[in-house]
C-alpha atoms as a PDB file:
ATOM      1  CA  MET A   1       0.000   0.000   0.000  1.00  0.00           C
ATOM      2  CA  LYS A   2       0.910   3.615  -0.506  1.00  0.00           C
ATOM      3  CA  LEU A   3      -0.283   5.534   2.544  1.00  0.00           C
ATOM      4  CA  LEU A   4      -0.294   9.314   2.831  1.00  0.00           C
ATOM      5  CA  ARG A   5      -1.654  12.329   4.659  1.00  0.00           C
ATOM      6  CA  HIS A   6      -3.486  15.111   2.843  1.00  0.00           C
ATOM      7  CA  GLY A   7      -4.775  18.567   3.614  1.00  0.00           C
ATOM      8  CA  PRO A   8      -3.535  21.810   5.185  1.00  0.00           C
ATOM      9  CA  ALA A   9      -0.460  21.735   7.413  1.00  0.00           C
ATOM     10  CA  GLY A  10      -1.403  20.722  10.929  1.00  0.00           C
ATOM     11  CA  THR A  11      -4.813  19.299   9.999  1.00  0.00           C
ATOM     12  CA  GLU A  12      -3.841  16.509   7.613  1.00  0.00           C
ATOM     13  CA  LYS A  13      -6.165  13.556   7.110  1.00  0.00           C
ATOM     14  CA  PRO A  14      -5.145   9.943   6.416  1.00  0.00           C
ATOM     15  CA  GLY A  15      -5.360   8.564   2.914  1.00  0.00           C
ATOM     16  CA  LEU A  16      -4.003   6.069   0.428  1.00  0.00           C
ATOM     17  CA  VAL A  17      -3.285   5.741  -3.262  1.00  0.00           C
ATOM     18  CA  HIS A  18      -5.864   3.586  -5.062  1.00  0.00           C
ATOM     19  CA  SER A  19      -4.745   1.196  -7.787  1.00  0.00           C
ATOM     20  CA  ASP A  20      -6.279   3.593 -10.328  1.00  0.00           C
ATOM     21  CA  GLY A  21      -3.862   6.328  -9.159  1.00  0.00           C
ATOM     22  CA  THR A  22      -6.420   8.433  -7.317  1.00  0.00           C
ATOM     23  CA  ILE A  23      -5.995   9.524  -3.724  1.00  0.00           C
ATOM     24  CA  ARG A  24      -8.666   8.143  -1.411  1.00  0.00           C
ATOM     25  CA  ASP A  25      -9.620   9.489   2.016  1.00  0.00           C
ATOM     26  CA  LEU A  26      -9.307   7.209   5.058  1.00  0.00           C
ATOM     27  CA  THR A  27     -11.094   9.535   7.480  1.00  0.00           C
ATOM     28  CA  GLY A  28     -13.238   7.421   9.783  1.00  0.00           C
ATOM     29  CA  ILE A  29     -11.310   4.266   8.923  1.00  0.00           C
ATOM     30  CA  VAL A  30      -8.139   5.131  10.848  1.00  0.00           C
ATOM     31  CA  PRO A  31      -7.356   8.180  13.007  1.00  0.00           C
ATOM     32  CA  ASP A  32      -4.089   8.916  11.185  1.00  0.00           C
ATOM     33  CA  ILE A  33      -1.084   7.242   9.549  1.00  0.00           C
ATOM     34  CA  GLY A  34       0.771   6.627  12.775  1.00  0.00           C
ATOM     35  CA  GLY A  35       0.799   4.687  16.037  1.00  0.00           C
ATOM     36  CA  SER A  36      -0.817   1.250  16.020  1.00  0.00           C
ATOM     37  CA  VAL A  37      -1.994   1.763  12.433  1.00  0.00           C
ATOM     38  CA  LEU A  38       1.637   1.120  11.417  1.00  0.00           C
ATOM     39  CA  SER A  39       1.797  -2.284  13.106  1.00  0.00           C
ATOM     40  CA  ASP A  40       1.510  -5.466  11.067  1.00  0.00           C
ATOM     41  CA  ALA A  41      -2.034  -5.948  12.385  1.00  0.00           C
ATOM     42  CA  GLY A  42      -2.972  -2.357  11.630  1.00  0.00           C
ATOM     43  CA  LEU A  43      -1.617  -2.520   8.094  1.00  0.00           C
ATOM     44  CA  ALA A  44      -3.285  -5.888   7.501  1.00  0.00           C
ATOM     45  CA  ALA A  45      -6.635  -4.397   8.524  1.00  0.00           C
ATOM     46  CA  LEU A  46      -6.101  -1.450   6.165  1.00  0.00           C
ATOM     47  CA  ALA A  47      -5.289  -3.825   3.329  1.00  0.00           C
ATOM     48  CA  GLN A  48      -8.779  -5.323   3.671  1.00  0.00           C
ATOM     49  CA  VAL A  49     -10.477  -1.975   3.033  1.00  0.00           C
ATOM     50  CA  ASP A  50     -12.082  -1.689  -0.403  1.00  0.00           C
ATOM     51  CA  ALA A  51     -10.369   1.473  -1.613  1.00  0.00           C
ATOM     52  CA  SER A  52     -12.871   1.878  -4.444  1.00  0.00           C
ATOM     53  CA  THR A  53     -15.550   2.733  -1.867  1.00  0.00           C
ATOM     54  CA  LEU A  54     -13.530   5.543  -0.275  1.00  0.00           C
ATOM     55  CA  PRO A  55     -14.044   9.225  -1.168  1.00  0.00           C
ATOM     56  CA  VAL A  56     -11.755  10.584  -3.890  1.00  0.00           C
ATOM     57  CA  VAL A  57      -9.473  13.434  -2.825  1.00  0.00           C
ATOM     58  CA  ASP A  58      -8.879  16.290  -5.247  1.00  0.00           C
ATOM     59  CA  ALA A  59      -5.577  15.658  -7.001  1.00  0.00           C
ATOM     60  CA  ALA A  60      -4.533  19.256  -6.302  1.00  0.00           C
ATOM     61  CA  THR A  61      -4.780  18.767  -2.538  1.00  0.00           C
ATOM     62  CA  ARG A  62      -1.571  19.343  -0.598  1.00  0.00           C
ATOM     63  CA  LEU A  63       0.198  16.226   0.658  1.00  0.00           C
ATOM     64  CA  GLY A  64       1.611  16.402   4.160  1.00  0.00           C
ATOM     65  CA  PRO A  65       4.337  14.295   5.764  1.00  0.00           C
ATOM     66  CA  CYS A  66       3.342  10.700   5.142  1.00  0.00           C
ATOM     67  CA  VAL A  67       3.638   9.648   8.797  1.00  0.00           C
ATOM     68  CA  ALA A  68       2.187  11.210  11.939  1.00  0.00           C
ATOM     69  CA  GLY A  69       3.400  11.203  15.518  1.00  0.00           C
ATOM     70  CA  THR A  70       7.114  10.932  14.799  1.00  0.00           C
ATOM     71  CA  GLY A  71       8.931  10.980  18.115  1.00  0.00           C
ATOM     72  CA  LYS A  72      12.451  10.553  16.773  1.00  0.00           C
ATOM     73  CA  PHE A  73      13.958  11.605  13.434  1.00  0.00           C
ATOM     74  CA  ILE A  74      17.274   9.762  13.414  1.00  0.00           C
ATOM     75  CA  CYS A  75      19.837  10.343  10.683  1.00  0.00           C
ATOM     76  CA  ILE A  76      22.861   8.336   9.606  1.00  0.00           C
ATOM     77  CA  GLY A  77      25.954  10.186   8.417  1.00  0.00           C
ATOM     78  CA  LEU A  78      28.473   9.123   5.772  1.00  0.00           C
ATOM     79  CA  ASN A  79      26.586   5.910   5.026  1.00  0.00           C
ATOM     80  CA  TYR A  80      27.525   5.745   1.336  1.00  0.00           C
ATOM     81  CA  ALA A  81      31.167   5.007   0.592  1.00  0.00           C
ATOM     82  CA  ASP A  82      31.141   7.214  -2.519  1.00  0.00           C
ATOM     83  CA  HIS A  83      29.602  10.139  -0.604  1.00  0.00           C
ATOM     84  CA  ALA A  84      32.216   9.794   2.152  1.00  0.00           C
ATOM     85  CA  ALA A  85      34.904   9.955  -0.526  1.00  0.00           C
ATOM     86  CA  GLU A  86      33.511  13.160  -2.059  1.00  0.00           C
ATOM     87  CA  SER A  87      33.401  14.655   1.438  1.00  0.00           C
ATOM     88  CA  GLY A  88      37.062  13.777   1.958  1.00  0.00           C
ATOM     89  CA  LEU A  89      36.161  11.598   4.943  1.00  0.00           C
ATOM     90  CA  THR A  90      36.672   7.929   5.740  1.00  0.00           C
ATOM     91  CA  VAL A  91      33.839   5.458   6.223  1.00  0.00           C
ATOM     92  CA  PRO A  92      33.215   5.180   9.978  1.00  0.00           C
ATOM     93  CA  PRO A  93      33.718   1.819  11.755  1.00  0.00           C
ATOM     94  CA  GLU A  94      30.179   2.152  13.161  1.00  0.00           C
ATOM     95  CA  PRO A  95      27.213   4.208  11.923  1.00  0.00           C
ATOM     96  CA  ILE A  96      27.354   7.925  12.666  1.00  0.00           C
ATOM     97  CA  ILE A  97      24.106   8.906  14.387  1.00  0.00           C
ATOM     98  CA  PHE A  98      22.636  12.374  14.714  1.00  0.00           C
ATOM     99  CA  MET A  99      19.150  13.738  15.236  1.00  0.00           C
ATOM    100  CA  LYS A 100      17.056  16.045  13.100  1.00  0.00           C
ATOM    101  CA  ALA A 101      14.420  17.957  15.075  1.00  0.00           C
ATOM    102  CA  THR A 102      10.890  16.725  14.395  1.00  0.00           C
ATOM    103  CA  SER A 103       9.877  20.385  13.991  1.00  0.00           C
ATOM    104  CA  ALA A 104      11.763  20.281  10.668  1.00  0.00           C
ATOM    105  CA  ILE A 105       9.255  17.821   9.187  1.00  0.00           C
ATOM    106  CA  VAL A 106       7.117  19.111   6.308  1.00  0.00           C
ATOM    107  CA  GLY A 107       5.269  17.743   3.306  1.00  0.00           C
ATOM    108  CA  PRO A 108       7.063  16.478   0.196  1.00  0.00           C
ATOM    109  CA  ASP A 109       6.259  19.522  -1.941  1.00  0.00           C
ATOM    110  CA  ASP A 110       6.247  22.242   0.705  1.00  0.00           C
ATOM    111  CA  ALA A 111       8.619  25.170   0.221  1.00  0.00           C
ATOM    112  CA  ILE A 112      11.976  24.966   1.975  1.00  0.00           C
ATOM    113  CA  THR A 113      13.034  28.032   3.904  1.00  0.00           C
ATOM    114  CA  ILE A 114      16.683  29.062   3.788  1.00  0.00           C
ATOM    115  CA  PRO A 115      17.391  30.054   7.402  1.00  0.00           C
ATOM    116  CA  ARG A 116      18.541  33.481   8.425  1.00  0.00           C
ATOM    117  CA  GLY A 117      22.331  33.781   8.087  1.00  0.00           C
ATOM    118  CA  SER A 118      22.632  30.726   5.869  1.00  0.00           C
ATOM    119  CA  VAL A 119      25.300  30.671   3.169  1.00  0.00           C
ATOM    120  CA  LYS A 120      25.580  26.913   2.601  1.00  0.00           C
ATOM    121  CA  THR A 121      22.138  25.304   2.405  1.00  0.00           C
ATOM    122  CA  ASP A 122      22.515  21.917   0.699  1.00  0.00           C
ATOM    123  CA  TRP A 123      20.448  18.955  -0.489  1.00  0.00           C
ATOM    124  CA  GLU A 124      20.547  15.187   0.233  1.00  0.00           C
ATOM    125  CA  VAL A 125      18.137  12.626  -1.231  1.00  0.00           C
ATOM    126  CA  GLU A 126      17.723   9.792   1.271  1.00  0.00           C
ATOM    127  CA  LEU A 127      15.750   6.616   1.921  1.00  0.00           C
ATOM    128  CA  ALA A 128      13.587   7.024   5.027  1.00  0.00           C
ATOM    129  CA  VAL A 129      12.722   3.950   7.075  1.00  0.00           C
ATOM    130  CA  ILE A 130       9.521   4.247   9.114  1.00  0.00           C
ATOM    131  CA  ILE A 131       9.173   2.084  12.198  1.00  0.00           C
ATOM    132  CA  GLY A 132       5.924   0.138  12.618  1.00  0.00           C
ATOM    133  CA  THR A 133       6.365  -1.777  15.881  1.00  0.00           C
ATOM    134  CA  ALA A 134       8.609  -1.039  18.840  1.00  0.00           C
ATOM    135  CA  ALA A 135      12.153  -2.348  18.456  1.00  0.00           C
ATOM    136  CA  LYS A 136      14.513  -2.852  21.396  1.00  0.00           C
ATOM    137  CA  TYR A 137      17.597  -5.066  21.262  1.00  0.00           C
ATOM    138  CA  VAL A 138      16.419  -6.685  18.029  1.00  0.00           C
ATOM    139  CA  SER A 139      18.704  -8.821  15.905  1.00  0.00           C
ATOM    140  CA  GLU A 140      19.543  -7.975  12.328  1.00  0.00           C
ATOM    141  CA  ALA A 141      17.515 -11.030  11.246  1.00  0.00           C
ATOM    142  CA  GLU A 142      14.445  -9.647  13.051  1.00  0.00           C
ATOM    143  CA  ALA A 143      14.953  -5.996  12.214  1.00  0.00           C
ATOM    144  CA  LEU A 144      12.841  -5.598   9.081  1.00  0.00           C
ATOM    145  CA  ASN A 145       9.847  -7.104  10.886  1.00  0.00           C
ATOM    146  CA  HIS A 146       9.731  -3.835  12.843  1.00  0.00           C
ATOM    147  CA  VAL A 147       9.585  -1.664   9.715  1.00  0.00           C
ATOM    148  CA  ALA A 148       6.209  -0.362   8.538  1.00  0.00           C
ATOM    149  CA  GLY A 149       7.558   0.948   5.251  1.00  0.00           C
ATOM    150  CA  TYR A 150       9.751   3.357   3.356  1.00  0.00           C
ATOM    151  CA  ALA A 151       9.593   6.895   2.005  1.00  0.00           C
ATOM    152  CA  VAL A 152      11.611   9.570   0.258  1.00  0.00           C
ATOM    153  CA  THR A 153      13.198  12.281   2.363  1.00  0.00           C
ATOM    154  CA  ASN A 154      15.406  15.258   1.626  1.00  0.00           C
ATOM    155  CA  ASP A 155      17.908  15.683   4.458  1.00  0.00           C
ATOM    156  CA  VAL A 156      18.310  19.407   3.841  1.00  0.00           C
ATOM    157  CA  SER A 157      21.458  20.686   5.554  1.00  0.00           C
ATOM    158  CA  GLU A 158      23.093  24.010   6.315  1.00  0.00           C
ATOM    159  CA  ARG A 159      26.775  23.104   6.044  1.00  0.00           C
ATOM    160  CA  ALA A 160      28.195  26.143   7.821  1.00  0.00           C
ATOM    161  CA  PHE A 161      25.877  25.538  10.778  1.00  0.00           C
ATOM    162  CA  GLN A 162      26.707  21.820  10.626  1.00  0.00           C
ATOM    163  CA  THR A 163      30.494  21.859  10.379  1.00  0.00           C
ATOM    164  CA  GLU A 164      31.764  25.352  11.158  1.00  0.00           C
ATOM    165  CA  ARG A 165      29.814  26.298  14.271  1.00  0.00           C
ATOM    166  CA  SER A 166      31.295  23.664  16.629  1.00  0.00           C
ATOM    167  CA  GLY A 167      29.334  21.019  18.494  1.00  0.00           C
ATOM    168  CA  GLN A 168      27.019  18.494  16.906  1.00  0.00           C
ATOM    169  CA  TRP A 169      25.665  18.268  13.360  1.00  0.00           C
ATOM    170  CA  THR A 170      22.092  18.630  14.621  1.00  0.00           C
ATOM    171  CA  LYS A 171      22.116  22.435  14.421  1.00  0.00           C
ATOM    172  CA  GLY A 172      22.768  22.306  10.683  1.00  0.00           C
ATOM    173  CA  LYS A 173      20.096  19.684  10.076  1.00  0.00           C
ATOM    174  CA  SER A 174      17.124  20.861  12.125  1.00  0.00           C
ATOM    175  CA  CYS A 175      16.087  24.210  10.660  1.00  0.00           C
ATOM    176  CA  ASP A 176      12.379  24.622   9.978  1.00  0.00           C
ATOM    177  CA  THR A 177      11.302  22.845   6.743  1.00  0.00           C
ATOM    178  CA  PHE A 178      14.559  20.836   6.526  1.00  0.00           C
ATOM    179  CA  GLY A 179      12.742  17.482   6.703  1.00  0.00           C
ATOM    180  CA  PRO A 180      10.337  16.821   3.814  1.00  0.00           C
ATOM    181  CA  ILE A 181       8.966  13.249   4.027  1.00  0.00           C
ATOM    182  CA  GLY A 182       6.762  11.562   1.438  1.00  0.00           C
ATOM    183  CA  PRO A 183       4.768  11.641  -0.758  1.00  0.00           C
ATOM    184  CA  TRP A 184       3.873   8.163   0.457  1.00  0.00           C
ATOM    185  CA  LEU A 185       4.715   5.616   3.081  1.00  0.00           C
ATOM    186  CA  VAL A 186       5.144   2.522   0.911  1.00  0.00           C
ATOM    187  CA  THR A 187       4.575  -0.552   3.059  1.00  0.00           C
ATOM    188  CA  ARG A 188       7.479  -2.968   3.294  1.00  0.00           C
ATOM    189  CA  ASP A 189       5.636  -5.746   1.440  1.00  0.00           C
ATOM    190  CA  GLU A 190       5.820  -3.584  -1.700  1.00  0.00           C
ATOM    191  CA  VAL A 191       9.585  -3.026  -1.469  1.00  0.00           C
ATOM    192  CA  ALA A 192      11.288  -6.247  -2.517  1.00  0.00           C
ATOM    193  CA  ASP A 193      14.765  -5.101  -1.511  1.00  0.00           C
ATOM    194  CA  PRO A 194      15.448  -1.773   0.221  1.00  0.00           C
ATOM    195  CA  GLN A 195      19.111  -2.239  -0.744  1.00  0.00           C
ATOM    196  CA  ASP A 196      18.371  -2.051  -4.481  1.00  0.00           C
ATOM    197  CA  LEU A 197      16.552   1.234  -5.064  1.00  0.00           C
ATOM    198  CA  ALA A 198      17.639   3.870  -7.589  1.00  0.00           C
ATOM    199  CA  MET A 199      17.596   7.421  -6.245  1.00  0.00           C
ATOM    200  CA  TRP A 200      18.099  10.822  -7.857  1.00  0.00           C
ATOM    201  CA  LEU A 201      17.957  14.562  -7.255  1.00  0.00           C
ATOM    202  CA  THR A 202      18.015  17.599  -9.551  1.00  0.00           C
ATOM    203  CA  VAL A 203      18.422  21.327  -8.906  1.00  0.00           C
ATOM    204  CA  ASN A 204      16.818  23.582 -11.522  1.00  0.00           C
ATOM    205  CA  GLY A 205      16.725  20.563 -13.844  1.00  0.00           C
ATOM    206  CA  ASP A 206      20.428  19.746 -13.481  1.00  0.00           C
ATOM    207  CA  VAL A 207      21.112  16.209 -12.233  1.00  0.00           C
ATOM    208  CA  MET A 208      23.082  16.391  -9.002  1.00  0.00           C
ATOM    209  CA  GLN A 209      22.590  12.960  -7.464  1.00  0.00           C
ATOM    210  CA  ASN A 210      22.108   9.706  -9.334  1.00  0.00           C
ATOM    211  CA  GLY A 211      22.770   6.755  -7.037  1.00  0.00           C
ATOM    212  CA  SER A 212      21.402   3.594  -5.491  1.00  0.00           C
ATOM    213  CA  THR A 213      20.852   2.190  -2.038  1.00  0.00           C
ATOM    214  CA  ARG A 214      23.130  -0.637  -3.170  1.00  0.00           C
ATOM    215  CA  THR A 215      26.116   1.477  -2.147  1.00  0.00           C
ATOM    216  CA  MET A 216      25.010   1.916   1.474  1.00  0.00           C
ATOM    217  CA  VAL A 217      27.741   0.920   3.911  1.00  0.00           C
ATOM    218  CA  TYR A 218      25.264  -0.104   6.607  1.00  0.00           C
ATOM    219  CA  GLY A 219      21.995  -1.484   5.269  1.00  0.00           C
ATOM    220  CA  VAL A 220      18.505  -0.980   6.626  1.00  0.00           C
ATOM    221  CA  ALA A 221      18.377  -4.189   8.680  1.00  0.00           C
ATOM    222  CA  HIS A 222      21.737  -3.413  10.266  1.00  0.00           C
ATOM    223  CA  LEU A 223      20.705   0.162  11.093  1.00  0.00           C
ATOM    224  CA  VAL A 224      17.418  -0.818  12.752  1.00  0.00           C
ATOM    225  CA  SER A 225      19.178  -3.483  14.804  1.00  0.00           C
ATOM    226  CA  TYR A 226      22.087  -1.193  15.673  1.00  0.00           C
ATOM    227  CA  LEU A 227      19.923   1.720  16.775  1.00  0.00           C
ATOM    228  CA  SER A 228      17.722  -0.574  18.851  1.00  0.00           C
ATOM    229  CA  GLN A 229      20.732  -1.444  21.006  1.00  0.00           C
ATOM    230  CA  PHE A 230      20.876   2.170  22.215  1.00  0.00           C
ATOM    231  CA  MET A 231      17.248   3.302  22.244  1.00  0.00           C
ATOM    232  CA  THR A 232      13.806   1.838  21.744  1.00  0.00           C
ATOM    233  CA  LEU A 233      12.472   2.647  18.300  1.00  0.00           C
ATOM    234  CA  HIS A 234       8.762   3.442  18.399  1.00  0.00           C
ATOM    235  CA  PRO A 235       6.000   3.421  15.761  1.00  0.00           C
ATOM    236  CA  GLY A 236       6.319   6.507  13.585  1.00  0.00           C
ATOM    237  CA  ASP A 237      10.019   7.015  14.258  1.00  0.00           C
ATOM    238  CA  VAL A 238      11.942   7.839  11.084  1.00  0.00           C
ATOM    239  CA  ILE A 239      15.466   6.731  10.187  1.00  0.00           C
ATOM    240  CA  SER A 240      17.057   8.713   7.357  1.00  0.00           C
ATOM    241  CA  THR A 241      19.712   6.370   6.051  1.00  0.00           C
ATOM    242  CA  GLY A 242      22.286   8.570   4.321  1.00  0.00           C
ATOM    243  CA  THR A 243      22.850  10.013   0.870  1.00  0.00           C
ATOM    244  CA  PRO A 244      24.767   9.043  -2.279  1.00  0.00           C
ATOM    245  CA  PRO A 245      27.342  11.401  -3.839  1.00  0.00           C
ATOM    246  CA  GLY A 246      26.421  14.635  -5.572  1.00  0.00           C
ATOM    247  CA  VAL A 247      25.728  17.022  -2.723  1.00  0.00           C
ATOM    248  CA  GLY A 248      26.586  20.688  -3.166  1.00  0.00           C
ATOM    249  CA  MET A 249      29.296  20.617  -0.526  1.00  0.00           C
ATOM    250  CA  GLY A 250      31.240  18.016  -2.508  1.00  0.00           C
ATOM    251  CA  MET A 251      31.347  19.973  -5.776  1.00  0.00           C
ATOM    252  CA  LYS A 252      34.386  21.900  -6.954  1.00  0.00           C
ATOM    253  CA  PRO A 253      33.623  24.686  -6.379  1.00  0.00           C
ATOM    254  CA  PRO A 254      30.810  23.941  -3.917  1.00  0.00           C
ATOM    255  CA  ARG A 255      27.282  24.834  -5.011  1.00  0.00           C
ATOM    256  CA  TYR A 256      24.590  25.839  -2.564  1.00  0.00           C
ATOM    257  CA  LEU A 257      20.913  26.709  -2.741  1.00  0.00           C
ATOM    258  CA  ALA A 258      19.401  30.159  -3.223  1.00  0.00           C
ATOM    259  CA  PRO A 259      15.832  31.520  -3.139  1.00  0.00           C
ATOM    260  CA  GLY A 260      13.935  30.444  -6.249  1.00  0.00           C
ATOM    261  CA  ASP A 261      15.926  27.267  -6.820  1.00  0.00           C
ATOM    262  CA  VAL A 262      13.787  24.186  -7.471  1.00  0.00           C
ATOM    263  CA  ILE A 263      14.752  20.783  -6.085  1.00  0.00           C
ATOM    264  CA  GLU A 264      13.203  17.606  -7.457  1.00  0.00           C
ATOM    265  CA  LEU A 265      14.071  14.182  -6.079  1.00  0.00           C
ATOM    266  CA  GLY A 266      12.808  10.640  -5.965  1.00  0.00           C
ATOM    267  CA  ILE A 267      13.438   6.979  -5.226  1.00  0.00           C
ATOM    268  CA  ALA A 268      12.275   4.109  -7.433  1.00  0.00           C
ATOM    269  CA  GLY A 269       8.828   2.922  -6.318  1.00  0.00           C
ATOM    270  CA  LEU A 270       8.584   5.475  -3.512  1.00  0.00           C
ATOM    271  CA  GLY A 271       7.512   8.564  -5.436  1.00  0.00           C
ATOM    272  CA  ARG A 272       9.048  11.979  -5.901  1.00  0.00           C
ATOM    273  CA  GLN A 273       9.223  15.383  -4.234  1.00  0.00           C
ATOM    274  CA  ARG A 274       9.465  18.966  -5.501  1.00  0.00           C
ATOM    275  CA  GLN A 275      10.493  21.920  -3.387  1.00  0.00           C
ATOM    276  CA  VAL A 276      11.005  25.609  -4.134  1.00  0.00           C
ATOM    277  CA  MET A 277      13.604  27.409  -2.037  1.00  0.00           C
ATOM    278  CA  MET A 278      12.542  30.616  -0.338  1.00  0.00           C
ATOM    279  CA  ALA A 279      14.144  33.179   1.942  1.00  0.00           C
ATOM    280  CA  ASP A 280      13.129  33.157   5.606  1.00  0.00           C
ATOM    281  CA  PRO A 281      10.274  35.671   5.872  1.00  0.00           C
ATOM    282  CA  ALA A 282      10.775  36.098   9.629  1.00  0.00           C
END
């Protein structure tokens, strides 16, 4: 299934993509795309719903973040060997973990705000893993059983805040609007192999990233298991698993985003996003 949330920011309603391509409203069927709805039992119950009987949502309706109630937005750094190389850094012996504030989460096509004082706002197409059932001390063999599904995310980053302002990376990753997720949560049964997904990103039509999850250093099952050794992963938690090469910081000379720039990105089978950059109006 392709699950989503539609409507104005802050008042999104649950929905899904029908086999005919239309968006159908799940209001009254489930409270939202989050919590127990993401469990195996919850998803199995949703799969029994006859989507053809559900109200059609106007195709022009805004799509919100595809998951609700995210308590943790966990990111993995330098998880593609080719991206580490372009950054001039070595692949870490264990996954690098940092957090992105949940207040950064927005819809897949919402505008991205360049924060005040930013000079190095950058892009990163990434595979997002969405947890469906609580995971604590799980083995790698069990890990994917705790995954509800997958989505596209853009791990937008302000590199000066991230690397030149001392302290942790979080400050360069958590600015408002820096976490678009969606358009859909694609349930894990529809993703044959999360380690074999093509991914791409363009800026103003120019191809910047053209990679595959095949080149991940630490795969999805390893990451879920690894993180669960340090913290319980809860339904709705998001793991952003790293980016392939082609980020602005790695170019010679570096290239960063400016107001009016248009980012488009996608992952095979998981949909695509489009964002327009804008200056911070505050």
